[in-house]
Protein backbone atom coordinates (compact mmCIF):
# COMPACT_ATOMS: atom_id res chain seq x y z
CA MET A 1 -38.39 -88.53 -89.66
CA LYS A 2 -41.77 -86.84 -89.51
CA LYS A 3 -43.11 -83.58 -88.17
CA ILE A 4 -45.21 -83.94 -85.03
CA GLU A 5 -48.21 -82.47 -86.89
CA ASP A 6 -48.05 -85.49 -89.24
CA VAL A 7 -48.12 -87.98 -86.36
CA ILE A 8 -50.86 -86.56 -84.10
CA LYS A 9 -54.55 -85.83 -84.36
CA LYS A 10 -55.90 -82.88 -82.39
CA ILE A 11 -58.98 -83.61 -80.26
CA PRO A 12 -61.73 -80.98 -80.02
CA VAL A 13 -62.00 -79.93 -76.36
CA GLY A 14 -65.50 -78.45 -76.45
CA LYS A 15 -66.40 -75.47 -74.30
CA LYS A 16 -63.43 -73.56 -72.90
CA TYR A 17 -63.59 -72.66 -69.22
CA SER A 18 -61.87 -70.05 -67.07
CA GLN A 19 -61.21 -69.69 -63.37
CA LYS A 20 -64.36 -67.54 -63.17
CA THR A 21 -66.53 -70.29 -64.71
CA THR A 22 -65.28 -73.16 -62.56
CA PHE A 23 -66.04 -74.31 -59.02
CA PRO A 24 -63.79 -75.62 -56.22
CA GLU A 25 -65.58 -79.00 -56.49
CA GLY A 26 -67.51 -80.73 -59.24
CA LEU A 27 -67.73 -83.69 -61.54
CA VAL A 28 -65.37 -82.67 -64.37
CA PRO A 29 -61.87 -81.24 -63.79
CA VAL A 30 -60.79 -78.26 -65.90
CA LEU A 31 -57.12 -78.45 -66.89
CA ASP A 32 -54.99 -75.32 -66.86
CA GLN A 33 -51.54 -74.45 -68.18
CA GLY A 34 -49.64 -74.80 -64.92
CA LYS A 35 -48.01 -77.78 -63.28
CA SER A 36 -50.77 -77.80 -60.67
CA GLY A 37 -52.89 -79.23 -63.44
CA ILE A 38 -56.46 -78.39 -62.44
CA ILE A 39 -57.90 -74.88 -62.20
CA GLY A 40 -61.34 -76.02 -60.97
CA TYR A 41 -64.35 -78.16 -61.82
CA HIS A 42 -67.71 -77.99 -63.57
CA ASN A 43 -70.78 -80.20 -63.72
CA ASP A 44 -71.47 -80.06 -67.46
CA LYS A 45 -70.47 -82.64 -70.06
CA ALA A 46 -66.70 -83.24 -70.28
CA GLY A 47 -64.99 -81.72 -73.31
CA VAL A 48 -62.69 -84.73 -73.76
CA ILE A 49 -63.44 -88.33 -72.89
CA ALA A 50 -60.31 -90.17 -71.73
CA SER A 51 -59.53 -93.30 -69.74
CA ILE A 52 -56.66 -95.62 -68.93
CA GLU A 53 -57.64 -97.59 -72.04
CA LYS A 54 -57.78 -94.47 -74.20
CA PRO A 55 -55.80 -91.59 -72.65
CA ALA A 56 -55.30 -88.16 -74.18
CA ILE A 57 -52.17 -86.04 -74.36
CA VAL A 58 -52.49 -82.43 -73.26
CA PHE A 59 -50.17 -79.60 -74.33
CA ALA A 60 -50.29 -76.18 -72.64
CA ASN A 61 -49.69 -73.63 -75.39
CA HIS A 62 -47.99 -70.91 -73.32
CA THR A 63 -46.09 -72.99 -70.75
CA CYS A 64 -45.28 -76.10 -72.86
CA TYR A 65 -46.37 -78.32 -69.99
CA MET A 66 -47.46 -81.77 -71.24
CA ARG A 67 -49.49 -84.46 -69.48
CA LEU A 68 -50.98 -87.82 -70.27
CA ILE A 69 -54.57 -87.71 -68.98
CA CYS A 70 -56.56 -90.85 -68.16
CA TYR A 71 -59.87 -89.29 -67.04
CA ASP A 72 -62.60 -87.14 -68.62
CA PHE A 73 -61.78 -83.43 -68.56
CA SER A 74 -62.33 -79.97 -70.00
CA THR A 75 -59.74 -77.23 -70.53
CA ILE A 76 -59.12 -73.53 -70.30
CA GLN A 77 -58.14 -71.47 -73.33
CA ASN A 78 -54.87 -72.49 -75.02
CA VAL A 79 -54.72 -76.04 -73.71
CA PHE A 80 -54.72 -78.54 -76.58
CA ALA A 81 -55.51 -82.25 -76.50
CA PHE A 82 -54.32 -84.83 -79.01
CA ARG A 83 -53.70 -88.52 -79.67
CA GLY A 84 -51.46 -90.36 -82.10
CA GLU A 85 -52.83 -90.49 -85.64
CA GLU A 86 -51.59 -94.01 -86.39
CA THR A 87 -49.23 -94.56 -83.49
CA ASP A 88 -49.72 -95.92 -79.99
CA ILE A 89 -50.73 -93.23 -77.48
CA TYR A 90 -47.96 -94.06 -74.99
CA TRP A 91 -45.32 -94.01 -77.71
CA THR A 92 -46.74 -90.73 -79.05
CA TYR A 93 -46.63 -89.16 -75.59
CA LEU A 94 -43.02 -90.15 -74.91
CA ALA A 95 -41.86 -89.31 -78.45
CA THR A 96 -43.30 -85.78 -78.25
CA TYR A 97 -42.70 -85.07 -74.55
CA GLY A 98 -40.19 -82.26 -74.05
CA LYS A 99 -39.80 -81.51 -77.77
CA GLN A 100 -40.94 -77.92 -77.25
CA GLU A 101 -39.21 -75.95 -74.54
CA PHE A 102 -40.60 -72.83 -72.93
CA THR A 103 -38.77 -69.78 -74.29
CA GLU A 104 -41.08 -66.94 -73.34
CA TYR A 105 -44.76 -66.51 -72.54
CA LYS A 106 -46.17 -66.97 -76.04
CA GLY A 107 -48.05 -69.54 -78.10
CA HIS A 108 -45.72 -72.52 -78.58
CA PHE A 109 -48.08 -75.06 -80.18
CA PRO A 110 -47.25 -74.03 -83.79
CA ASP A 111 -43.52 -74.45 -83.01
CA PHE A 112 -44.24 -77.81 -81.35
CA LEU A 113 -46.10 -79.10 -84.42
CA ILE A 114 -43.15 -78.56 -86.77
CA LYS A 115 -40.57 -80.37 -84.60
CA GLU A 116 -39.33 -83.58 -86.18
CA ILE A 117 -39.29 -86.97 -84.47
CA VAL A 118 -38.18 -90.44 -85.51
CA VAL A 119 -41.27 -92.53 -86.26
CA PRO A 120 -40.96 -96.31 -86.40
CA ASN A 121 -43.58 -98.49 -88.07
CA VAL A 122 -47.01 -98.78 -86.46
CA GLU A 123 -46.43 -102.33 -85.21
CA LEU A 124 -43.34 -101.24 -83.29
CA THR A 125 -45.15 -98.33 -81.61
CA GLU A 126 -47.99 -100.68 -80.63
CA LEU A 127 -45.55 -103.23 -79.18
CA PHE A 128 -43.87 -100.46 -77.21
CA GLY A 129 -47.29 -99.32 -75.96
CA GLN A 130 -48.15 -102.82 -74.77
CA ILE A 131 -44.92 -102.96 -72.77
CA VAL A 132 -45.27 -99.57 -71.03
CA LYS A 133 -49.07 -99.50 -70.63
CA GLU A 134 -48.97 -101.32 -67.27
CA SER A 135 -46.57 -98.74 -65.82
CA PHE A 136 -48.70 -95.83 -67.05
CA SER A 137 -51.84 -97.55 -65.73
CA LYS A 138 -50.24 -97.85 -62.29
CA ILE A 139 -49.29 -94.17 -62.38
CA ALA A 140 -52.88 -93.24 -63.29
CA MET A 141 -54.34 -95.43 -60.54
CA ASN A 142 -51.92 -93.94 -57.98
CA ASP A 143 -52.96 -90.43 -59.07
CA ILE A 144 -56.64 -91.32 -58.59
CA GLU A 145 -55.93 -92.82 -55.17
CA ASN A 146 -53.83 -89.78 -54.14
CA SER A 147 -56.66 -87.45 -55.17
CA PHE A 148 -59.15 -89.48 -53.13
CA LEU A 149 -56.86 -89.55 -50.08
CA THR A 150 -56.24 -85.80 -50.38
CA LYS A 151 -59.99 -85.13 -50.26
CA ILE A 152 -60.37 -87.34 -47.18
CA ARG A 153 -57.43 -85.61 -45.48
CA ASP A 154 -58.82 -82.17 -46.26
CA LYS A 155 -62.18 -83.09 -44.72
CA LEU A 156 -60.84 -84.88 -41.65
CA LEU A 157 -57.85 -82.74 -40.65
CA PRO A 158 -59.83 -79.61 -39.68
CA LYS A 159 -62.17 -81.76 -37.56
CA LEU A 160 -59.20 -83.43 -35.90
CA LEU A 161 -57.59 -80.06 -35.13
CA ASN A 162 -60.93 -78.66 -33.81
CA GLY A 163 -61.27 -81.60 -31.46
CA GLU A 164 -64.44 -82.82 -33.21
CA ILE A 165 -62.68 -86.14 -33.80
CA LYS A 166 -60.72 -87.83 -31.03
CA VAL A 167 -57.90 -90.22 -31.84
C-alpha cells in the first residue's frame, strides 16, 4: 500500500488561463474543472505536452473530475496534471481514478494525495499498460475524430439550414 503522492509526479502546467483569457478557437485547448473539459483555446505554447505515447492525467481540484489527456494542453487555475513516478501511466490513471469523491466545493487535491492504493511491482504495471494501451489509444483517436466531425458539422449545418448548400 502506498499513498497516491508517493506514486505520482506532478507536472508543471505553465501559465494558468481563465475564460477571459481564452478564445472560442485556437491551437491549444485550455482544460477546465467541468465535465465539458475545455473552457477555450489560446495560441501560445502549451503548458503540458502530451500524446497517445505519453499521456497526462488531469485532476480538477474542486470538482474531482479526472481525465487522461493525449494532446497538448494548458489549464485554468486549480487543475493539476501528473504522471506515474515509476508506474505505467494507464495503470496509474485507473488506480487513482475515483479515489477522491466530490464532497463540497473545496480543494480536494490534498485529500486525493493521501489516499492509499495497492501498488504492484513496476514490471506488472508496465505489462498492464501494454495490454490496455490499445484500448486507450482507440478512445483517444475516436475523441480526435469526434472533435473534427463536430467542427465540420458546426460549419456546414448553418449553411444547410440557410439554403446555401443544397442536398
